[in-house]
Amino acid sequence: MNEEMNNGGSVEKTPFYKKNWFVILLIIFIPPAGLIMMWVNKQFGKTARIVLTIVLAIYSIIWLTTLFTPKPTQTTQPEPTTQSQAQPSANVSATAAPTPEPTPDVPTEYKSALKKAKSYSDTMYMSKQGLYDQLTSEYGEKFSAEAAQYAVDNLDADYNYNALQKAKSYQETMAMSPEAIRDQLTSEYGEKFTQEEADYAIANLPQ
């Protein structure tokens, strides 16, 4: 019983901390204090106290083990680098070759002037200035100055050879002296070769 009679016959009230409900609450919320109060006050039967002590001891061990066991850290494995990420694309790293600028079309007149200049050079062994004058002359081919200039600039001709062939012609057909041939080759009224070309021709005439 929670209440006892004193010597005077009056009922003595049991302190609240010795009452069963208080001890049960301590066991639930503060197990160590509840166990101590249970054994000190000798509440419940001995067998019940032993069973409660064992159960609470096991519960405490499990709770403490769970509390102090470190949680395993989850490491993130790096994703494997794909080949397309590891190596730059050949299309990106390769330097693009410069696109050549288109060659402008040559006017037909220029092409015709070049063909005519080649014909005169191969058959009549004319000088560069002589070809230009013949191409632009109103009594000759009547090409524009631009077309004639294009022709003589792009003609693949050996003017030393042309001067020598002219000199041989004068020597064989007109029996001219070397100096007279030189003058004829360089004259502005004659063949219009340069002085160097005329010198080459005279130096290589047959003796």
Foldseek 3Di string as FASTA:
>chain_A
DQWDADPVRDIHGHDPLLDPVNLVVCCVPPVVVSLVSCVVSVPDDPVVSVVSVVVSVVVVVVVVCVVPDDDDDDDDDDDDDDPPRVDPDPVVPDDDDDDDDDDDDDDPLLVVLLVVLQVCCVPVLAALVQSLCQCCPPVHVNRDNVSSVSNSVPHPHDSLVSLLVQLQCCCVPVVDDLVVSLCQCCDPVHRNHDNVSSVSNSVPHDD
